[in-house]
């Protein structure tokens, strides 16, 4: 695939942050002897990666705004463009030495997401998408959502934190109804990865509530460009802002949504 100049900038930022994350990931196993040490270490790894992404993007486009998981909002003078960044999506996996995490970046132009990058540096998987240009893995494989037609044949991924909130209780009620209706349930611990793998056809559907814009935006564009569908729990077309995601191909999305909507 041919990348635009903007997508090249994003890929460069994500891969440089990925090198930093890979180095830190290799040191995690030496920190498991202490409870405080690993948590603090991962927090610092997260901030280092975000600073790398910020510096790279700010250098290339100094007038653009930012919305970042760690650093919050930084206003630019452009007024039309904003980077949305999750430098380390999957911090619990990272902390435990599980190689499922990603550096995720989306570019918002006006009200639209127009480019995205999700990069897992350990697996060396680079997912990219541009509006109208398709979704790609490592610049070589064009992505399409899986073509399964029935929820009963589908592997469905979910996000579940189990922290005792009302949202977690709702997710457990949803899970109790979805699990018997599908071929399998999976959880990766990284929403960006979930959406990227859904776009790649590895999962057939996905749902989660209480997500942040940086969790959703990069994967939203990948999924759309791969032919997928996304909505909130009510069936309203997907937004990166309301925190609810039900996603899949058109047929499986509709069947999963029917189950989700029936659960209060």
C-alpha atoms as a PDB file:
ATOM      1  CA  UNK A   1       0.000   0.000   0.000  1.00  0.00           C
ATOM      2  CA  UNK A   2       1.057   3.596  -0.535  1.00  0.00           C
ATOM      3  CA  UNK A   3       0.967   5.691   2.616  1.00  0.00           C
ATOM      4  CA  UNK A   4       0.155   9.384   2.724  1.00  0.00           C
ATOM      5  CA  UNK A   5       2.595  11.804   4.332  1.00  0.00           C
ATOM      6  CA  UNK A   6       0.349  12.034   7.396  1.00  0.00           C
ATOM      7  CA  UNK A   7       0.147   8.272   7.807  1.00  0.00           C
ATOM      8  CA  UNK A   8       3.924   8.022   7.464  1.00  0.00           C
ATOM      9  CA  UNK A   9       4.257  10.503  10.327  1.00  0.00           C
ATOM     10  CA  UNK A  10       1.915   8.425  12.478  1.00  0.00           C
ATOM     11  CA  UNK A  11       3.704   5.163  11.675  1.00  0.00           C
ATOM     12  CA  UNK A  12       7.060   6.695  12.512  1.00  0.00           C
ATOM     13  CA  UNK A  13       5.758   7.963  15.855  1.00  0.00           C
ATOM     14  CA  UNK A  14       4.172   4.608  16.753  1.00  0.00           C
ATOM     15  CA  UNK A  15       7.216   2.541  15.780  1.00  0.00           C
ATOM     16  CA  UNK A  16       9.606   4.759  17.721  1.00  0.00           C
ATOM     17  CA  UNK A  17       7.369   4.531  20.770  1.00  0.00           C
ATOM     18  CA  UNK A  18       7.179   0.787  20.127  1.00  0.00           C
ATOM     19  CA  UNK A  19      10.949   0.441  20.380  1.00  0.00           C
ATOM     20  CA  UNK A  20      10.833   2.110  23.779  1.00  0.00           C
ATOM     21  CA  UNK A  21       7.985  -0.143  24.902  1.00  0.00           C
ATOM     22  CA  UNK A  22       9.803  -3.256  23.688  1.00  0.00           C
ATOM     23  CA  UNK A  23      12.879  -2.320  25.697  1.00  0.00           C
ATOM     24  CA  UNK A  24      10.786  -1.706  28.805  1.00  0.00           C
ATOM     25  CA  UNK A  25       8.758  -4.871  28.237  1.00  0.00           C
ATOM     26  CA  UNK A  26      11.959  -6.881  28.314  1.00  0.00           C
ATOM     27  CA  UNK A  27      12.706  -5.497  31.773  1.00  0.00           C
ATOM     28  CA  UNK A  28       9.272  -6.193  33.289  1.00  0.00           C
ATOM     29  CA  UNK A  29      10.086  -9.753  34.380  1.00  0.00           C
ATOM     30  CA  UNK A  30      12.883  -8.413  36.581  1.00  0.00           C
ATOM     31  CA  UNK A  31      10.419  -6.224  38.484  1.00  0.00           C
ATOM     32  CA  UNK A  32       7.919  -8.869  39.526  1.00  0.00           C
ATOM     33  CA  UNK A  33       9.458  -9.227  42.997  1.00  0.00           C
ATOM     34  CA  UNK A  34       7.835  -6.008  44.174  1.00  0.00           C
ATOM     35  CA  UNK A  35       4.233  -4.840  44.020  1.00  0.00           C
ATOM     36  CA  UNK A  36       5.034  -1.141  43.874  1.00  0.00           C
ATOM     37  CA  UNK A  37       7.967  -1.458  41.499  1.00  0.00           C
ATOM     38  CA  UNK A  38       6.230  -2.973  38.468  1.00  0.00           C
ATOM     39  CA  UNK A  39       3.232  -0.619  38.659  1.00  0.00           C
ATOM     40  CA  UNK A  40       5.457   2.437  38.850  1.00  0.00           C
ATOM     41  CA  UNK A  41       7.656   1.069  36.074  1.00  0.00           C
ATOM     42  CA  UNK A  42       4.737   0.515  33.718  1.00  0.00           C
ATOM     43  CA  UNK A  43       3.405   3.989  34.454  1.00  0.00           C
ATOM     44  CA  UNK A  44       6.773   5.434  33.489  1.00  0.00           C
ATOM     45  CA  UNK A  45       6.941   3.250  30.361  1.00  0.00           C
ATOM     46  CA  UNK A  46       3.507   4.554  29.377  1.00  0.00           C
ATOM     47  CA  UNK A  47       4.567   8.162  29.862  1.00  0.00           C
ATOM     48  CA  UNK A  48       7.842   7.658  27.983  1.00  0.00           C
ATOM     49  CA  UNK A  49       5.999   6.200  25.014  1.00  0.00           C
ATOM     50  CA  UNK A  50       3.450   9.008  25.020  1.00  0.00           C
ATOM     51  CA  UNK A  51       6.188  11.633  25.123  1.00  0.00           C
ATOM     52  CA  UNK A  52       7.881  10.031  22.115  1.00  0.00           C
ATOM     53  CA  UNK A  53       4.610  10.049  20.158  1.00  0.00           C
ATOM     54  CA  UNK A  54       3.855  13.624  21.205  1.00  0.00           C
ATOM     55  CA  UNK A  55       7.302  14.879  20.236  1.00  0.00           C
ATOM     56  CA  UNK A  56       7.237  13.170  16.844  1.00  0.00           C
ATOM     57  CA  UNK A  57       3.780  14.403  15.943  1.00  0.00           C
ATOM     58  CA  UNK A  58       4.301  17.909  17.297  1.00  0.00           C
ATOM     59  CA  UNK A  59       7.548  18.227  15.331  1.00  0.00           C
ATOM     60  CA  UNK A  60       5.816  17.194  12.101  1.00  0.00           C
ATOM     61  CA  UNK A  61       2.558  19.129  12.583  1.00  0.00           C
ATOM     62  CA  UNK A  62       3.120  21.829  15.225  1.00  0.00           C
ATOM     63  CA  UNK A  63      -0.349  23.389  14.879  1.00  0.00           C
ATOM     64  CA  UNK A  64      -2.408  20.219  15.527  1.00  0.00           C
ATOM     65  CA  UNK A  65      -4.188  19.573  18.832  1.00  0.00           C
ATOM     66  CA  UNK A  66      -3.800  16.471  21.014  1.00  0.00           C
ATOM     67  CA  UNK A  67      -6.055  14.267  23.150  1.00  0.00           C
ATOM     68  CA  UNK A  68      -3.924  11.801  25.119  1.00  0.00           C
ATOM     69  CA  UNK A  69      -4.640   9.200  27.779  1.00  0.00           C
ATOM     70  CA  UNK A  70      -1.858  10.373  30.069  1.00  0.00           C
ATOM     71  CA  UNK A  71      -1.300  13.981  29.046  1.00  0.00           C
ATOM     72  CA  UNK A  72      -4.901  15.046  28.476  1.00  0.00           C
ATOM     73  CA  UNK A  73      -5.743  17.774  25.971  1.00  0.00           C
ATOM     74  CA  UNK A  74      -3.240  20.086  24.330  1.00  0.00           C
ATOM     75  CA  UNK A  75      -4.807  22.768  22.155  1.00  0.00           C
ATOM     76  CA  UNK A  76      -3.235  23.683  18.828  1.00  0.00           C
ATOM     77  CA  UNK A  77      -3.888  26.629  16.561  1.00  0.00           C
ATOM     78  CA  UNK A  78      -5.058  24.542  13.597  1.00  0.00           C
ATOM     79  CA  UNK A  79      -8.678  24.211  14.713  1.00  0.00           C
ATOM     80  CA  UNK A  80      -9.408  21.254  12.419  1.00  0.00           C
ATOM     81  CA  UNK A  81      -6.934  18.504  13.296  1.00  0.00           C
ATOM     82  CA  UNK A  82      -6.377  16.560  16.491  1.00  0.00           C
ATOM     83  CA  UNK A  83      -4.236  13.554  17.344  1.00  0.00           C
ATOM     84  CA  UNK A  84      -5.914  11.005  19.656  1.00  0.00           C
ATOM     85  CA  UNK A  85      -3.309   8.855  21.401  1.00  0.00           C
ATOM     86  CA  UNK A  86      -3.147   5.795  23.644  1.00  0.00           C
ATOM     87  CA  UNK A  87       0.584   5.133  24.014  1.00  0.00           C
ATOM     88  CA  UNK A  88       0.170   1.793  25.799  1.00  0.00           C
ATOM     89  CA  UNK A  89      -3.203   0.113  25.454  1.00  0.00           C
ATOM     90  CA  UNK A  90      -3.020  -3.046  27.533  1.00  0.00           C
ATOM     91  CA  UNK A  91      -1.014  -1.926  30.548  1.00  0.00           C
ATOM     92  CA  UNK A  92      -2.074  -4.876  32.728  1.00  0.00           C
ATOM     93  CA  UNK A  93      -0.875  -7.282  30.039  1.00  0.00           C
ATOM     94  CA  UNK A  94       2.377  -5.329  29.812  1.00  0.00           C
ATOM     95  CA  UNK A  95       2.837  -5.511  33.572  1.00  0.00           C
ATOM     96  CA  UNK A  96       2.393  -9.294  33.578  1.00  0.00           C
ATOM     97  CA  UNK A  97       4.621  -9.993  30.594  1.00  0.00           C
ATOM     98  CA  UNK A  98       1.746 -10.784  28.240  1.00  0.00           C
ATOM     99  CA  UNK A  99       2.673  -9.570  24.736  1.00  0.00           C
ATOM    100  CA  UNK A 100      -0.775  -8.231  23.818  1.00  0.00           C
ATOM    101  CA  UNK A 101      -0.604  -4.440  23.948  1.00  0.00           C
ATOM    102  CA  UNK A 102      -0.368  -1.631  21.440  1.00  0.00           C
ATOM    103  CA  UNK A 103       0.535   1.962  20.755  1.00  0.00           C
ATOM    104  CA  UNK A 104      -2.562   3.457  19.114  1.00  0.00           C
ATOM    105  CA  UNK A 105      -2.914   6.785  17.275  1.00  0.00           C
ATOM    106  CA  UNK A 106      -5.844   8.309  15.387  1.00  0.00           C
ATOM    107  CA  UNK A 107      -6.095  11.561  13.459  1.00  0.00           C
ATOM    108  CA  UNK A 108      -9.327  13.498  13.754  1.00  0.00           C
ATOM    109  CA  UNK A 109     -10.201  16.063  11.077  1.00  0.00           C
ATOM    110  CA  UNK A 110     -13.262  18.072  12.013  1.00  0.00           C
ATOM    111  CA  UNK A 111     -15.763  15.474  13.240  1.00  0.00           C
ATOM    112  CA  UNK A 112     -14.185  12.551  11.373  1.00  0.00           C
ATOM    113  CA  UNK A 113     -11.399  10.064  12.066  1.00  0.00           C
ATOM    114  CA  UNK A 114      -9.364  10.027   8.852  1.00  0.00           C
ATOM    115  CA  UNK A 115      -6.249   7.973   9.696  1.00  0.00           C
ATOM    116  CA  UNK A 116      -5.198   5.461  12.325  1.00  0.00           C
ATOM    117  CA  UNK A 117      -2.303   3.295  13.449  1.00  0.00           C
ATOM    118  CA  UNK A 118      -2.306   0.417  15.946  1.00  0.00           C
ATOM    119  CA  UNK A 119       1.125  -1.108  16.515  1.00  0.00           C
ATOM    120  CA  UNK A 120       2.073  -4.124  18.623  1.00  0.00           C
ATOM    121  CA  UNK A 121       5.877  -3.950  18.774  1.00  0.00           C
ATOM    122  CA  UNK A 122       6.424  -7.398  20.306  1.00  0.00           C
ATOM    123  CA  UNK A 123       4.400  -9.169  17.619  1.00  0.00           C
ATOM    124  CA  UNK A 124       5.608  -6.603  15.049  1.00  0.00           C
ATOM    125  CA  UNK A 125       2.077  -6.126  13.760  1.00  0.00           C
ATOM    126  CA  UNK A 126       1.322  -2.714  12.281  1.00  0.00           C
ATOM    127  CA  UNK A 127      -2.348  -2.046  11.535  1.00  0.00           C
ATOM    128  CA  UNK A 128      -3.030   1.093   9.480  1.00  0.00           C
ATOM    129  CA  UNK A 129      -6.016   2.739   7.857  1.00  0.00           C
ATOM    130  CA  UNK A 130      -6.878   5.917   6.013  1.00  0.00           C
ATOM    131  CA  UNK A 131     -10.335   7.105   5.081  1.00  0.00           C
ATOM    132  CA  UNK A 132     -11.162   5.617   1.697  1.00  0.00           C
ATOM    133  CA  UNK A 133      -7.855   3.764   1.482  1.00  0.00           C
ATOM    134  CA  UNK A 134      -8.683   0.489   3.186  1.00  0.00           C
ATOM    135  CA  UNK A 135      -7.239  -1.165   6.283  1.00  0.00           C
ATOM    136  CA  UNK A 136      -3.888  -2.952   6.156  1.00  0.00           C
ATOM    137  CA  UNK A 137      -1.589  -5.204   8.162  1.00  0.00           C
ATOM    138  CA  UNK A 138       2.136  -4.507   7.778  1.00  0.00           C
ATOM    139  CA  UNK A 139       1.435  -2.639   4.511  1.00  0.00           C
ATOM    140  CA  UNK A 140       0.995  -5.950   2.675  1.00  0.00           C
ATOM    141  CA  UNK A 141      -2.276  -7.593   3.657  1.00  0.00           C
ATOM    142  CA  UNK A 142      -5.539  -5.784   3.060  1.00  0.00           C
ATOM    143  CA  UNK A 143      -7.958  -6.460   5.893  1.00  0.00           C
ATOM    144  CA  UNK A 144     -11.562  -7.588   5.677  1.00  0.00           C
ATOM    145  CA  UNK A 145     -13.868  -8.538   8.503  1.00  0.00           C
ATOM    146  CA  UNK A 146     -14.794 -12.204   8.755  1.00  0.00           C
ATOM    147  CA  UNK A 147     -17.675 -13.331   6.555  1.00  0.00           C
ATOM    148  CA  UNK A 148     -19.503 -15.542   9.042  1.00  0.00           C
ATOM    149  CA  UNK A 149     -23.261 -15.116   8.911  1.00  0.00           C
ATOM    150  CA  UNK A 150     -24.424 -16.567  12.216  1.00  0.00           C
ATOM    151  CA  UNK A 151     -23.700 -15.574  15.803  1.00  0.00           C
ATOM    152  CA  UNK A 152     -23.674 -19.250  16.773  1.00  0.00           C
ATOM    153  CA  UNK A 153     -20.590 -19.788  14.586  1.00  0.00           C
ATOM    154  CA  UNK A 154     -18.771 -16.697  15.842  1.00  0.00           C
ATOM    155  CA  UNK A 155     -15.897 -16.051  18.220  1.00  0.00           C
ATOM    156  CA  UNK A 156     -16.807 -12.915  20.141  1.00  0.00           C
ATOM    157  CA  UNK A 157     -14.459 -10.712  22.121  1.00  0.00           C
ATOM    158  CA  UNK A 158     -15.442  -8.546  25.069  1.00  0.00           C
ATOM    159  CA  UNK A 159     -13.915  -6.044  27.448  1.00  0.00           C
ATOM    160  CA  UNK A 160     -14.501  -6.740  31.133  1.00  0.00           C
ATOM    161  CA  UNK A 161     -12.791  -4.994  34.025  1.00  0.00           C
ATOM    162  CA  UNK A 162     -14.740  -6.512  36.969  1.00  0.00           C
ATOM    163  CA  UNK A 163     -14.136  -3.614  39.344  1.00  0.00           C
ATOM    164  CA  UNK A 164     -17.552  -3.764  40.984  1.00  0.00           C
ATOM    165  CA  UNK A 165     -19.197  -0.942  39.053  1.00  0.00           C
ATOM    166  CA  UNK A 166     -22.712  -0.971  37.603  1.00  0.00           C
ATOM    167  CA  UNK A 167     -21.172  -1.153  34.137  1.00  0.00           C
ATOM    168  CA  UNK A 168     -19.269  -4.309  35.078  1.00  0.00           C
ATOM    169  CA  UNK A 169     -22.436  -5.856  36.480  1.00  0.00           C
ATOM    170  CA  UNK A 170     -24.195  -5.093  33.194  1.00  0.00           C
ATOM    171  CA  UNK A 171     -21.351  -6.679  31.230  1.00  0.00           C
ATOM    172  CA  UNK A 172     -21.621  -9.846  33.316  1.00  0.00           C
ATOM    173  CA  UNK A 173     -25.356 -10.031  32.625  1.00  0.00           C
ATOM    174  CA  UNK A 174     -24.649  -9.558  28.935  1.00  0.00           C
ATOM    175  CA  UNK A 175     -21.961 -12.235  29.039  1.00  0.00           C
ATOM    176  CA  UNK A 176     -24.360 -14.722  30.644  1.00  0.00           C
ATOM    177  CA  UNK A 177     -26.667 -14.355  27.633  1.00  0.00           C
ATOM    178  CA  UNK A 178     -24.060 -14.031  24.877  1.00  0.00           C
ATOM    179  CA  UNK A 179     -21.830 -16.952  25.904  1.00  0.00           C
ATOM    180  CA  UNK A 180     -24.373 -19.731  25.192  1.00  0.00           C
ATOM    181  CA  UNK A 181     -25.245 -18.122  21.854  1.00  0.00           C
ATOM    182  CA  UNK A 182     -21.736 -18.080  20.319  1.00  0.00           C
ATOM    183  CA  UNK A 183     -18.926 -20.455  19.396  1.00  0.00           C
ATOM    184  CA  UNK A 184     -16.463 -18.887  21.828  1.00  0.00           C
ATOM    185  CA  UNK A 185     -15.682 -15.887  24.029  1.00  0.00           C
ATOM    186  CA  UNK A 186     -12.287 -14.177  24.177  1.00  0.00           C
ATOM    187  CA  UNK A 187     -10.769 -11.256  26.074  1.00  0.00           C
ATOM    188  CA  UNK A 188      -7.409  -9.704  25.155  1.00  0.00           C
ATOM    189  CA  UNK A 189      -7.208  -6.825  27.640  1.00  0.00           C
ATOM    190  CA  UNK A 190      -6.574  -4.225  24.912  1.00  0.00           C
ATOM    191  CA  UNK A 191      -9.517  -2.578  23.150  1.00  0.00           C
ATOM    192  CA  UNK A 192      -7.341  -1.321  20.294  1.00  0.00           C
ATOM    193  CA  UNK A 193      -6.147  -4.870  19.716  1.00  0.00           C
ATOM    194  CA  UNK A 194      -9.704  -6.188  19.884  1.00  0.00           C
ATOM    195  CA  UNK A 195     -10.834  -3.839  17.120  1.00  0.00           C
ATOM    196  CA  UNK A 196      -7.725  -4.428  15.000  1.00  0.00           C
ATOM    197  CA  UNK A 197      -8.147  -8.200  15.248  1.00  0.00           C
ATOM    198  CA  UNK A 198     -11.841  -7.827  14.460  1.00  0.00           C
ATOM    199  CA  UNK A 199     -10.928  -5.865  11.329  1.00  0.00           C
ATOM    200  CA  UNK A 200      -8.456  -8.645  10.437  1.00  0.00           C
ATOM    201  CA  UNK A 201     -11.122 -11.339  10.735  1.00  0.00           C
ATOM    202  CA  UNK A 202      -9.582 -13.009  13.788  1.00  0.00           C
ATOM    203  CA  UNK A 203     -12.664 -12.185  15.846  1.00  0.00           C
ATOM    204  CA  UNK A 204     -16.204 -12.080  14.489  1.00  0.00           C
ATOM    205  CA  UNK A 205     -17.650  -9.531  16.904  1.00  0.00           C
ATOM    206  CA  UNK A 206     -16.793  -7.380  19.906  1.00  0.00           C
ATOM    207  CA  UNK A 207     -18.585  -5.481  22.622  1.00  0.00           C
ATOM    208  CA  UNK A 208     -17.568  -3.324  25.562  1.00  0.00           C
ATOM    209  CA  UNK A 209     -18.859  -0.380  27.579  1.00  0.00           C
ATOM    210  CA  UNK A 210     -17.111   2.472  29.394  1.00  0.00           C
ATOM    211  CA  UNK A 211     -14.417   2.995  26.777  1.00  0.00           C
ATOM    212  CA  UNK A 212     -12.477   6.226  26.226  1.00  0.00           C
ATOM    213  CA  UNK A 213     -12.061   7.957  22.841  1.00  0.00           C
ATOM    214  CA  UNK A 214      -8.417   6.834  22.583  1.00  0.00           C
ATOM    215  CA  UNK A 215      -9.583   3.218  23.051  1.00  0.00           C
ATOM    216  CA  UNK A 216     -12.064   3.445  20.190  1.00  0.00           C
ATOM    217  CA  UNK A 217     -10.877   5.958  17.574  1.00  0.00           C
ATOM    218  CA  UNK A 218      -7.970   4.057  15.955  1.00  0.00           C
ATOM    219  CA  UNK A 219      -9.877   0.771  15.772  1.00  0.00           C
ATOM    220  CA  UNK A 220     -13.089   2.453  14.618  1.00  0.00           C
ATOM    221  CA  UNK A 221     -11.508   3.531  11.340  1.00  0.00           C
ATOM    222  CA  UNK A 222      -9.753   0.195  10.838  1.00  0.00           C
ATOM    223  CA  UNK A 223     -13.038  -1.618  11.282  1.00  0.00           C
ATOM    224  CA  UNK A 224     -14.957   0.691   8.946  1.00  0.00           C
ATOM    225  CA  UNK A 225     -12.309   0.425   6.232  1.00  0.00           C
ATOM    226  CA  UNK A 226     -12.359  -3.378   6.614  1.00  0.00           C
ATOM    227  CA  UNK A 227     -16.104  -3.464   5.962  1.00  0.00           C
ATOM    228  CA  UNK A 228     -17.306  -3.713   9.551  1.00  0.00           C
ATOM    229  CA  UNK A 229     -20.173  -2.115  11.456  1.00  0.00           C
ATOM    230  CA  UNK A 230     -20.162  -0.436  14.866  1.00  0.00           C
ATOM    231  CA  UNK A 231     -22.920   0.914  17.093  1.00  0.00           C
ATOM    232  CA  UNK A 232     -23.584   1.662  20.736  1.00  0.00           C
ATOM    233  CA  UNK A 233     -25.726  -0.645  22.886  1.00  0.00           C
ATOM    234  CA  UNK A 234     -28.947   1.003  21.644  1.00  0.00           C
ATOM    235  CA  UNK A 235     -28.024   0.456  17.998  1.00  0.00           C
ATOM    236  CA  UNK A 236     -27.139   4.081  17.257  1.00  0.00           C
ATOM    237  CA  UNK A 237     -24.259   4.233  14.746  1.00  0.00           C
ATOM    238  CA  UNK A 238     -20.921   4.096  16.530  1.00  0.00           C
ATOM    239  CA  UNK A 239     -19.276   7.115  18.047  1.00  0.00           C
ATOM    240  CA  UNK A 240     -15.861   7.290  19.664  1.00  0.00           C
ATOM    241  CA  UNK A 241     -17.339   9.478  22.399  1.00  0.00           C
ATOM    242  CA  UNK A 242     -20.134   7.619  24.200  1.00  0.00           C
ATOM    243  CA  UNK A 243     -18.043   4.691  25.460  1.00  0.00           C
ATOM    244  CA  UNK A 244     -20.232   1.847  24.158  1.00  0.00           C
ATOM    245  CA  UNK A 245     -19.220  -0.457  21.312  1.00  0.00           C
ATOM    246  CA  UNK A 246     -20.946  -3.366  19.597  1.00  0.00           C
ATOM    247  CA  UNK A 247     -19.096  -4.318  16.421  1.00  0.00           C
ATOM    248  CA  UNK A 248     -18.789  -6.969  13.729  1.00  0.00           C
ATOM    249  CA  UNK A 249     -19.782  -7.576  10.145  1.00  0.00           C
ATOM    250  CA  UNK A 250     -23.276  -6.373   9.305  1.00  0.00           C
ATOM    251  CA  UNK A 251     -25.039  -9.688   9.951  1.00  0.00           C
ATOM    252  CA  UNK A 252     -23.240 -10.769  13.128  1.00  0.00           C
ATOM    253  CA  UNK A 253     -23.339  -7.226  14.528  1.00  0.00           C
ATOM    254  CA  UNK A 254     -27.127  -7.201  14.187  1.00  0.00           C
ATOM    255  CA  UNK A 255     -27.482 -10.559  15.929  1.00  0.00           C
ATOM    256  CA  UNK A 256     -25.148  -9.628  18.787  1.00  0.00           C
ATOM    257  CA  UNK A 257     -26.845  -6.254  19.175  1.00  0.00           C
ATOM    258  CA  UNK A 258     -30.218  -7.983  19.531  1.00  0.00           C
ATOM    259  CA  UNK A 259     -28.874  -9.938  22.515  1.00  0.00           C
ATOM    260  CA  UNK A 260     -27.200  -6.887  24.057  1.00  0.00           C
ATOM    261  CA  UNK A 261     -30.301  -4.665  23.672  1.00  0.00           C
ATOM    262  CA  UNK A 262     -32.469  -7.212  25.488  1.00  0.00           C
ATOM    263  CA  UNK A 263     -30.415  -6.922  28.685  1.00  0.00           C
ATOM    264  CA  UNK A 264     -31.052  -4.015  31.055  1.00  0.00           C
END
